[in-house]
Amino acid sequence: MKIEQVVESQRRFFRSGKTLSVDFRLAMLKKLRQAIEEREEDIAAALKADLGKSEYESYMCEIGLVLSELSYMLRHTRRFAKEKTVKTPLAQFAARSYQKPGPYGNCLIMSPWNYPFLLTMDPLVDAIAAGNTAIVKPSAYSPATAAIMERIVSDCFPPDYVALIQGGRKENAALLEEKFDFVFFTGSEAVGKEVLTHCARHLTPAVLELGGKSPCIIDSTAKLPLAAKRIAFGKFLNCGQTCVAPDFILCHRSVKESFVQELCRQVKAQFGERPLENPDYGRIVNEKHFDRLLGLIRDDKVILGGKADRAQLRLEPTILDNADWGDPVMQEEIFGPVLPILCFDSYEELYERLEERPKPLALYLFAEDKKRIQELTERLRYGGGCVNDVVIHLASSEMGFGGVGESGMGSYHGQEGFEAFSHRKSIVDKKTWMDLPMRYQPYDRGLYGKLLRLFLK
């Protein structure tokens, strides 16, 4: 079936009203959960084929998180879908005012290759819970995972309800030419701009989950061994191909040498002396990105790692010391296992430097100074983040996840995911047993005028 035919068939299905039933939505979510649980081994094998992910990491960072989002939505969708009564102004007496959430309609979900299962299925779960139909377009760079997702989707849903379309740029372009009621995109800033341009043609609302250079700040009061341990985990997870991975370290000069020693020790402890032989350490997605990453590494600044295996597209966890703001590695999002370390002396200088740059998707601070934590989290603008940890903020269905400015717009996960795929109608149900006369002409500037001023203060 051609793309335009799929879009039109989903419009017809949505207009039938079938997705408005909360019971229908819950039944579809249960069906999806069962299919994922039955194919867990196949999904893990696909992630291994595409990105070299271990079975453990695949469940921890992809399959398990999708199942968690499904469980959350199965518990809460009925409550999220209820009307909410709000206070009615005295001037509108007698009436009932309420907000009624409803689905947008036919949605397009475009997902990336780095967490291909999680970043496809999570927004799909939210779209289904909110009562939409959906066309899902995964990345062509993760073909094995796209194939298993296609089987799951086709087994669970008819294509006029949920359809997965495979392909590359040609299919992406064709989809963006179609008119959707809502678009959800996860990927790079450059492609995000193109998606938003197409959305503007149809005035289509969109959520963009992009990326950016997420800083990780090490305060002089930080517990350095624990900071190094957690940073090593979060940075080199999925071989550094994580949109919220710490992109670079900003370390207070007074603790820099001690921190560098701890970080090198932790990388060796977690990934081994020969990480290229570690079966649980992933690989770079393709040769294009592999070569790009090699081009960011300056040999004179490497203090750990730097070795590569082109045949397997594997690159060691690599730490660059004494990095500079002008280095090539500081000019783009790294999206790989390369971690530059910069120093700072003054927080005012740090704030000024970071505020000059595009707003990042995440920011991390390691510190024990509560005043410093409060000051930094208030002054800097970023999508989200952690204090004394990294990346874990995106793993909660209780908090929305999203960017700001150049790192994206809108958020999802849990209730915010339901709301992202919903339009909340504001409705006043005006009663007919009485009708206040003060709004009608001819205007009475006496008693009615006084009442008007009383009501509208």
Protein backbone atom coordinates (compact mmCIF):
# COMPACT_ATOMS: atom_id res chain seq x y z
CA MET A 1 0.00 0.00 0.00
CA LYS A 2 1.34 3.45 -0.92
CA ILE A 3 2.06 6.03 1.78
CA GLU A 4 -0.80 8.30 0.75
CA GLN A 5 -3.18 5.34 0.85
CA VAL A 6 -2.07 4.38 4.35
CA VAL A 7 -2.55 7.96 5.53
CA GLU A 8 -6.03 8.15 4.04
CA SER A 9 -7.05 4.76 5.46
CA GLN A 10 -5.96 5.90 8.92
CA ARG A 11 -7.98 9.10 8.57
CA ARG A 12 -11.05 7.01 7.81
CA PHE A 13 -10.36 4.69 10.74
CA PHE A 14 -9.99 7.62 13.13
CA ARG A 15 -13.20 9.22 11.88
CA SER A 16 -15.03 5.98 12.72
CA GLY A 17 -14.59 6.90 16.40
CA LYS A 18 -13.25 3.50 17.40
CA THR A 19 -10.10 4.88 19.06
CA LEU A 20 -12.14 7.17 21.34
CA SER A 21 -13.07 4.23 23.54
CA VAL A 22 -10.71 3.92 26.50
CA ASP A 23 -11.46 0.19 26.63
CA PHE A 24 -10.27 -0.12 23.04
CA ARG A 25 -7.05 1.76 23.82
CA LEU A 26 -6.31 -0.41 26.85
CA ALA A 27 -6.95 -3.57 24.86
CA MET A 28 -4.48 -2.41 22.21
CA LEU A 29 -1.84 -1.57 24.83
CA LYS A 30 -2.24 -5.02 26.40
CA LYS A 31 -1.89 -6.62 22.99
CA LEU A 32 1.31 -4.67 22.35
CA ARG A 33 2.75 -5.58 25.74
CA GLN A 34 2.09 -9.27 25.18
CA ALA A 35 3.73 -9.16 21.75
CA ILE A 36 6.85 -7.47 23.13
CA GLU A 37 7.14 -9.94 26.00
CA GLU A 38 6.83 -12.88 23.60
CA ARG A 39 9.52 -11.48 21.29
CA GLU A 40 11.97 -10.23 23.90
CA GLU A 41 14.77 -12.50 22.69
CA ASP A 42 14.23 -11.49 19.06
CA ILE A 43 14.31 -7.80 19.98
CA ALA A 44 17.55 -8.25 21.92
CA ALA A 45 19.08 -10.14 19.00
CA ALA A 46 18.12 -7.33 16.62
CA LEU A 47 19.67 -4.69 18.88
CA LYS A 48 22.82 -6.82 19.04
CA ALA A 49 22.93 -6.97 15.25
CA ASP A 50 22.39 -3.24 14.77
CA LEU A 51 24.47 -1.76 17.61
CA GLY A 52 26.31 -4.56 19.34
CA LYS A 53 24.19 -4.17 22.48
CA SER A 54 24.31 -6.92 25.05
CA GLU A 55 21.11 -8.66 26.11
CA TYR A 56 21.41 -7.07 29.56
CA GLU A 57 21.81 -3.54 28.20
CA SER A 58 19.02 -4.08 25.67
CA TYR A 59 16.57 -4.89 28.44
CA MET A 60 17.84 -2.21 30.84
CA CYS A 61 17.82 0.63 28.31
CA GLU A 62 15.19 -0.33 25.74
CA ILE A 63 12.85 -3.29 26.22
CA GLY A 64 12.38 -2.84 29.96
CA LEU A 65 11.72 0.88 29.65
CA VAL A 66 9.06 0.30 26.98
CA LEU A 67 7.37 -2.31 29.17
CA SER A 68 7.52 0.14 32.07
CA GLU A 69 5.81 2.84 29.98
CA LEU A 70 3.18 0.32 28.90
CA SER A 71 2.49 -0.68 32.51
CA TYR A 72 2.22 2.98 33.52
CA MET A 73 -0.25 3.76 30.75
CA LEU A 74 -2.34 0.68 31.48
CA ARG A 75 -2.68 1.89 35.07
CA HIS A 76 -3.40 5.54 34.35
CA THR A 77 -4.96 5.99 30.90
CA ARG A 78 -8.52 5.81 32.16
CA ARG A 79 -7.81 8.62 34.63
CA PHE A 80 -5.90 10.71 32.09
CA ALA A 81 -8.81 10.47 29.62
CA LYS A 82 -11.43 11.77 32.07
CA GLU A 83 -12.96 15.22 31.87
CA LYS A 84 -11.68 17.66 34.48
CA THR A 85 -14.13 20.12 35.99
CA VAL A 86 -12.68 23.56 36.67
CA LYS A 87 -14.02 26.62 38.47
CA THR A 88 -16.53 28.72 36.57
CA PRO A 89 -16.19 32.54 36.86
CA LEU A 90 -19.09 34.23 38.64
CA ALA A 91 -19.85 36.21 35.50
CA GLN A 92 -20.68 32.92 33.70
CA PHE A 93 -23.13 31.67 36.34
CA ALA A 94 -24.86 29.26 35.95
CA ALA A 95 -22.58 26.89 34.07
CA ARG A 96 -20.20 23.99 34.33
CA SER A 97 -16.69 24.50 32.96
CA TYR A 98 -14.54 21.52 32.10
CA GLN A 99 -11.57 20.35 30.06
CA LYS A 100 -11.96 17.31 27.84
CA PRO A 101 -8.85 15.60 26.48
CA GLY A 102 -9.11 14.14 23.01
CA PRO A 103 -6.72 12.64 20.47
CA TYR A 104 -5.23 14.73 17.68
CA GLY A 105 -6.05 12.11 15.07
CA ASN A 106 -3.53 10.64 12.65
CA CYS A 107 0.03 10.91 13.99
CA LEU A 108 3.46 10.45 12.43
CA ILE A 109 6.25 9.11 14.67
CA MET A 110 9.79 9.32 13.26
CA SER A 111 12.49 7.65 15.35
CA PRO A 112 16.32 7.44 15.32
CA TRP A 113 18.79 4.57 15.22
CA ASN A 114 20.63 4.87 18.55
CA TYR A 115 17.83 3.48 20.75
CA PRO A 116 15.67 2.20 17.91
CA PHE A 117 13.23 0.12 19.94
CA LEU A 118 12.78 2.49 22.89
CA LEU A 119 12.48 5.68 20.87
CA THR A 120 9.96 4.12 18.49
CA MET A 121 7.78 2.21 20.90
CA ASP A 122 7.66 4.71 23.78
CA PRO A 123 5.96 7.47 21.77
CA LEU A 124 3.75 4.86 20.08
CA VAL A 125 2.53 3.72 23.51
CA ASP A 126 1.64 7.33 24.37
CA ALA A 127 -0.07 7.85 21.00
CA ILE A 128 -2.22 4.74 21.44
CA ALA A 129 -3.10 5.63 25.04
CA ALA A 130 -4.26 9.08 23.90
CA GLY A 131 -6.53 7.55 21.23
CA ASN A 132 -4.69 8.29 17.98
CA THR A 133 -3.88 6.33 14.89
CA ALA A 134 -0.19 6.30 14.01
CA ILE A 135 2.29 5.79 11.21
CA VAL A 136 5.70 4.81 12.56
CA LYS A 137 8.90 5.44 10.59
CA PRO A 138 12.05 3.95 12.16
CA SER A 139 15.58 4.73 11.01
CA ALA A 140 17.10 2.86 8.09
CA TYR A 141 20.37 2.67 10.07
CA SER A 142 18.92 0.04 12.43
CA PRO A 143 17.39 -2.44 9.95
CA ALA A 144 17.25 -5.51 12.18
CA THR A 145 15.33 -3.69 14.90
CA ALA A 146 13.06 -2.06 12.32
CA ALA A 147 12.25 -5.52 10.93
CA ILE A 148 11.26 -7.00 14.29
CA MET A 149 9.19 -3.88 15.11
CA GLU A 150 7.42 -4.20 11.78
CA ARG A 151 6.45 -7.78 12.66
CA ILE A 152 5.21 -6.72 16.09
CA VAL A 153 3.16 -3.84 14.72
CA SER A 154 1.65 -5.85 11.85
CA ASP A 155 0.75 -8.72 14.18
CA CYS A 156 -0.90 -6.42 16.73
CA PHE A 157 -2.70 -3.83 14.63
CA PRO A 158 -4.38 -3.40 11.25
CA PRO A 159 -2.48 -0.89 9.06
CA ASP A 160 -5.41 1.52 9.03
CA TYR A 161 -4.84 1.89 12.80
CA VAL A 162 -1.06 1.56 13.28
CA ALA A 163 1.39 1.03 10.43
CA LEU A 164 5.17 0.85 10.30
CA ILE A 165 6.84 2.07 7.11
CA GLN A 166 10.44 1.15 6.38
CA GLY A 167 12.87 2.94 4.11
CA GLY A 168 15.29 5.82 3.95
CA ARG A 169 15.28 9.43 2.83
CA LYS A 170 12.80 8.84 0.01
CA GLU A 171 10.18 7.48 2.39
CA ASN A 172 10.92 10.18 4.98
CA ALA A 173 10.39 12.87 2.34
CA ALA A 174 7.17 11.27 1.12
CA LEU A 175 5.77 11.07 4.64
CA LEU A 176 6.60 14.69 5.38
CA GLU A 177 4.69 15.78 2.28
CA GLU A 178 1.52 14.28 3.76
CA LYS A 179 -0.76 16.18 6.12
CA PHE A 180 -0.84 14.72 9.61
CA ASP A 181 -2.68 15.90 12.70
CA PHE A 182 0.45 15.60 14.86
CA VAL A 183 4.13 14.82 14.28
CA PHE A 184 6.56 13.38 16.82
CA PHE A 185 10.21 13.42 15.77
CA THR A 186 13.37 12.22 17.53
CA GLY A 187 16.70 12.90 15.86
CA SER A 188 19.26 15.55 15.01
CA GLU A 189 18.75 19.30 15.13
CA ALA A 190 19.39 19.59 11.38
CA VAL A 191 16.68 17.09 10.45
CA GLY A 192 14.41 18.51 13.14
CA LYS A 193 14.47 21.87 11.36
CA GLU A 194 13.43 20.18 8.12
CA VAL A 195 10.60 18.33 9.87
CA LEU A 196 9.34 21.54 11.46
CA THR A 197 9.45 23.32 8.09
CA HIS A 198 7.14 20.69 6.62
CA CYS A 199 4.87 20.85 9.67
CA ALA A 200 4.58 24.63 9.24
CA ARG A 201 3.12 24.17 5.75
CA HIS A 202 0.09 22.44 7.24
CA LEU A 203 0.18 24.19 10.65
CA THR A 204 0.71 20.74 12.18
CA PRO A 205 1.65 20.66 15.88
CA ALA A 206 4.86 18.79 16.62
CA VAL A 207 7.12 17.54 19.38
CA LEU A 208 10.82 17.56 18.51
CA GLU A 209 13.25 15.54 20.62
CA LEU A 210 16.67 16.65 19.42
CA GLY A 211 20.09 16.69 21.07
CA GLY A 212 23.05 18.92 21.74
CA LYS A 213 26.26 19.08 23.72
CA SER A 214 25.22 18.17 27.25
CA PRO A 215 27.73 19.46 29.85
CA CYS A 216 28.72 17.60 33.00
CA ILE A 217 30.00 19.89 35.74
CA ILE A 218 32.30 18.68 38.52
CA ASP A 219 32.23 20.98 41.53
CA SER A 220 35.09 21.19 44.03
CA THR A 221 32.77 19.56 46.61
CA ALA A 222 31.86 16.54 44.45
CA LYS A 223 32.42 12.99 45.65
CA LEU A 224 34.93 12.22 42.94
CA PRO A 225 35.01 8.38 43.02
CA LEU A 226 31.22 8.16 42.78
CA ALA A 227 31.06 10.91 40.16
CA ALA A 228 33.63 9.14 38.00
CA LYS A 229 31.81 5.81 38.35
CA ARG A 230 28.46 7.22 37.29
CA ILE A 231 29.88 9.33 34.47
CA ALA A 232 31.80 6.37 33.03
CA PHE A 233 28.56 4.38 32.97
CA GLY A 234 26.42 7.10 31.39
CA LYS A 235 28.94 8.38 28.87
CA PHE A 236 29.99 5.04 27.41
CA LEU A 237 26.59 3.35 27.57
CA ASN A 238 25.62 2.29 24.04
CA CYS A 239 29.15 3.23 23.00
CA GLY A 240 28.38 6.88 23.73
CA GLN A 241 25.51 6.98 21.21
CA THR A 242 23.00 8.45 23.64
CA CYS A 243 21.32 11.81 23.14
CA VAL A 244 21.61 12.67 26.85
CA ALA A 245 25.11 11.29 27.40
CA PRO A 246 27.54 13.70 29.07
CA ASP A 247 29.10 15.33 26.03
CA PHE A 248 31.98 17.05 27.82
CA ILE A 249 33.28 17.54 31.35
CA LEU A 250 33.66 20.93 32.99
CA CYS A 251 35.81 20.27 36.04
CA HIS A 252 36.78 22.76 38.74
CA ARG A 253 40.51 23.21 38.45
CA SER A 254 41.10 22.45 42.13
CA VAL A 255 39.96 18.82 41.75
CA LYS A 256 40.77 18.21 38.10
CA GLU A 257 43.80 15.94 38.51
CA SER A 258 42.10 13.79 41.14
CA PHE A 259 38.96 13.50 39.03
CA VAL A 260 40.86 12.49 35.89
CA GLN A 261 42.62 9.72 37.82
CA GLU A 262 39.32 8.42 39.18
CA LEU A 263 37.65 8.57 35.77
CA CYS A 264 40.43 6.60 34.07
CA ARG A 265 40.30 4.04 36.87
CA GLN A 266 36.53 3.67 36.54
CA VAL A 267 36.60 3.24 32.77
CA LYS A 268 39.11 0.42 33.16
CA ALA A 269 37.09 -1.14 35.99
CA GLN A 270 33.84 -1.13 34.02
CA PHE A 271 35.04 -1.89 30.49
CA GLY A 272 38.32 -3.72 31.11
CA GLU A 273 41.89 -3.11 30.06
CA ARG A 274 40.96 -4.16 26.51
CA PRO A 275 37.44 -2.83 25.95
CA LEU A 276 37.47 -3.75 22.25
CA GLU A 277 37.38 -7.37 23.40
CA ASN A 278 34.53 -6.77 25.87
CA PRO A 279 31.41 -8.56 24.54
CA ASP A 280 29.13 -6.20 26.49
CA TYR A 281 30.61 -3.07 24.93
CA GLY A 282 28.76 -1.97 21.79
CA ARG A 283 29.87 -0.63 18.44
CA ILE A 284 29.44 2.45 16.28
CA VAL A 285 26.37 2.26 14.08
CA ASN A 286 28.14 2.61 10.70
CA GLU A 287 31.40 3.55 9.01
CA LYS A 288 30.31 7.14 8.36
CA HIS A 289 29.91 7.85 12.06
CA PHE A 290 33.01 5.81 12.87
CA ASP A 291 35.15 8.02 10.62
CA ARG A 292 33.51 11.17 11.97
CA LEU A 293 34.43 10.19 15.52
CA LEU A 294 38.03 9.37 14.59
CA GLY A 295 38.27 12.86 13.11
CA LEU A 296 37.37 14.39 16.48
CA ILE A 297 40.22 12.72 18.36
CA ARG A 298 43.51 14.61 18.77
CA ASP A 299 46.19 12.09 19.64
CA ASP A 300 48.18 14.61 21.71
CA LYS A 301 45.23 15.00 24.09
CA VAL A 302 44.33 11.31 24.52
CA ILE A 303 45.04 10.10 28.06
CA LEU A 304 42.98 6.92 27.85
CA GLY A 305 41.70 4.82 24.97
CA GLY A 306 41.80 5.98 21.37
CA LYS A 307 42.27 2.56 19.79
CA ALA A 308 39.82 1.46 17.12
CA ASP A 309 38.80 -1.67 15.21
CA ARG A 310 37.48 -0.65 11.81
CA ALA A 311 36.41 -4.16 10.88
CA GLN A 312 34.01 -4.28 13.82
CA LEU A 313 33.36 -0.50 13.98
CA ARG A 314 34.48 -0.44 17.60
CA LEU A 315 36.18 2.47 19.32
CA GLU A 316 37.60 2.38 22.83
CA PRO A 317 36.23 4.66 25.56
CA THR A 318 38.46 7.67 24.93
CA ILE A 319 39.24 10.53 27.30
CA LEU A 320 40.77 13.78 26.04
CA ASP A 321 42.51 15.91 28.66
CA ASN A 322 43.17 19.66 28.46
CA ALA A 323 40.51 20.13 25.81
CA ASP A 324 39.76 23.63 24.58
CA TRP A 325 36.52 25.32 23.52
CA GLY A 326 38.00 25.74 20.05
CA ASP A 327 38.84 22.06 19.51
CA PRO A 328 36.93 20.18 16.77
CA VAL A 329 35.44 17.89 19.42
CA MET A 330 33.74 20.93 20.98
CA GLN A 331 32.09 22.12 17.77
CA GLU A 332 29.45 19.39 17.41
CA GLU A 333 27.56 16.83 19.42
CA ILE A 334 30.00 13.94 19.82
CA PHE A 335 27.50 11.04 19.93
CA GLY A 336 30.22 8.49 20.55
CA PRO A 337 32.70 7.21 23.16
CA VAL A 338 34.91 10.32 23.23
CA LEU A 339 34.92 12.49 26.35
CA PRO A 340 36.81 15.81 26.44
CA ILE A 341 37.69 17.40 29.80
CA LEU A 342 37.83 21.17 30.24
CA CYS A 343 38.60 23.19 33.38
CA PHE A 344 37.00 26.21 34.97
CA ASP A 345 37.89 28.48 37.87
CA SER A 346 34.87 30.74 38.23
CA TYR A 347 31.19 29.90 38.12
CA GLU A 348 30.34 33.29 36.70
CA GLU A 349 32.70 32.54 33.82
CA LEU A 350 31.08 29.11 33.49
CA TYR A 351 27.55 30.51 33.39
CA GLU A 352 28.51 33.07 30.78
CA ARG A 353 30.22 30.46 28.61
CA LEU A 354 27.30 28.02 28.75
CA GLU A 355 24.62 30.65 28.19
CA GLU A 356 26.42 31.71 25.00
CA ARG A 357 26.02 28.21 23.59
CA PRO A 358 22.89 26.44 22.27
CA LYS A 359 20.70 25.14 25.09
CA PRO A 360 21.53 21.45 25.69
CA LEU A 361 19.13 18.56 26.05
CA ALA A 362 20.69 17.63 29.41
CA LEU A 363 22.96 19.06 32.06
CA TYR A 364 24.62 17.24 34.95
CA LEU A 365 26.14 18.58 38.16
CA PHE A 366 28.17 16.68 40.72
CA ALA A 367 28.33 18.64 43.97
CA GLU A 368 27.59 18.45 47.69
CA ASP A 369 27.10 22.22 48.08
CA LYS A 370 23.30 22.73 48.25
CA LYS A 371 23.49 26.45 47.54
CA ARG A 372 25.59 25.78 44.45
CA ILE A 373 23.12 23.14 43.26
CA GLN A 374 20.17 25.51 43.68
CA GLU A 375 21.99 28.38 41.96
CA LEU A 376 23.13 26.37 38.97
CA THR A 377 19.82 24.61 38.36
CA GLU A 378 18.05 27.99 38.46
CA ARG A 379 20.43 30.00 36.30
CA LEU A 380 21.12 27.69 33.38
CA ARG A 381 18.60 26.69 30.71
CA TYR A 382 18.50 23.07 29.55
CA GLY A 383 16.01 20.30 28.85
CA GLY A 384 16.49 18.24 32.01
CA GLY A 385 19.21 16.48 33.91
CA CYS A 386 20.52 15.09 37.16
CA VAL A 387 22.33 16.16 40.28
CA ASN A 388 25.04 13.65 41.23
CA ASP A 389 24.12 11.23 38.44
CA VAL A 390 23.69 11.12 34.66
CA VAL A 391 21.09 10.01 32.05
CA ILE A 392 18.66 8.37 34.51
CA HIS A 393 16.14 11.24 34.40
CA LEU A 394 14.79 9.96 31.07
CA ALA A 395 13.90 6.57 32.59
CA SER A 396 10.92 7.78 34.64
CA SER A 397 7.30 7.77 33.51
CA GLU A 398 6.57 10.20 36.36
CA MET A 399 8.46 13.06 34.69
CA GLY A 400 8.30 14.50 31.21
CA PHE A 401 11.39 14.25 29.04
CA GLY A 402 12.22 16.83 26.42
CA GLY A 403 14.47 19.64 25.28
CA VAL A 404 14.35 23.41 25.12
CA GLY A 405 15.46 25.78 22.39
CA GLU A 406 17.88 24.08 20.03
CA SER A 407 17.55 20.76 21.87
CA GLY A 408 13.86 20.41 21.12
CA MET A 409 10.32 21.39 21.98
CA GLY A 410 7.63 19.56 23.88
CA SER A 411 8.05 16.52 26.11
CA TYR A 412 6.70 13.02 26.66
CA HIS A 413 6.74 10.00 29.02
CA GLY A 414 3.87 9.13 31.31
CA GLN A 415 1.16 11.75 31.70
CA GLU A 416 3.13 14.28 29.67
CA GLY A 417 3.29 11.74 26.87
CA PHE A 418 -0.48 11.30 26.99
CA GLU A 419 -0.92 15.08 26.94
CA ALA A 420 1.59 15.53 24.11
CA PHE A 421 -0.59 13.36 21.86
CA SER A 422 -3.83 14.98 23.07
CA HIS A 423 -5.67 18.23 22.59
CA ARG A 424 -7.45 19.44 25.72
CA LYS A 425 -10.73 21.11 24.80
CA SER A 426 -11.98 23.83 27.15
CA ILE A 427 -15.79 23.70 27.32
CA VAL A 428 -18.43 25.75 29.12
CA ASP A 429 -21.80 24.03 29.55
CA LYS A 430 -24.14 26.98 30.13
CA LYS A 431 -27.38 26.24 31.94
CA THR A 432 -30.71 27.33 30.46
CA TRP A 433 -32.78 27.82 33.60
CA MET A 434 -31.45 31.37 34.04
CA ASP A 435 -29.77 34.04 31.91
CA LEU A 436 -27.91 37.02 33.40
CA PRO A 437 -28.95 40.09 31.38
CA MET A 438 -25.92 42.31 31.94
CA ARG A 439 -24.03 41.32 28.78
CA TYR A 440 -26.79 42.29 26.37
CA GLN A 441 -27.45 45.65 24.76
CA PRO A 442 -28.75 48.16 25.47
CA TYR A 443 -26.11 48.36 28.23
CA ASP A 444 -27.27 49.38 31.69
CA ARG A 445 -24.40 51.33 33.22
CA GLY A 446 -26.15 51.54 36.57
CA LEU A 447 -26.76 48.35 38.54
CA TYR A 448 -25.58 46.01 35.80
CA GLY A 449 -22.44 48.08 35.31
CA LYS A 450 -21.63 47.78 39.02
CA LEU A 451 -22.27 44.04 38.94
CA LEU A 452 -20.05 43.70 35.87
CA ARG A 453 -17.17 45.41 37.66
CA LEU A 454 -17.75 43.24 40.73
CA PHE A 455 -17.74 40.00 38.74
CA LEU A 456 -14.69 40.84 36.61
CA LYS A 457 -12.23 41.94 39.28
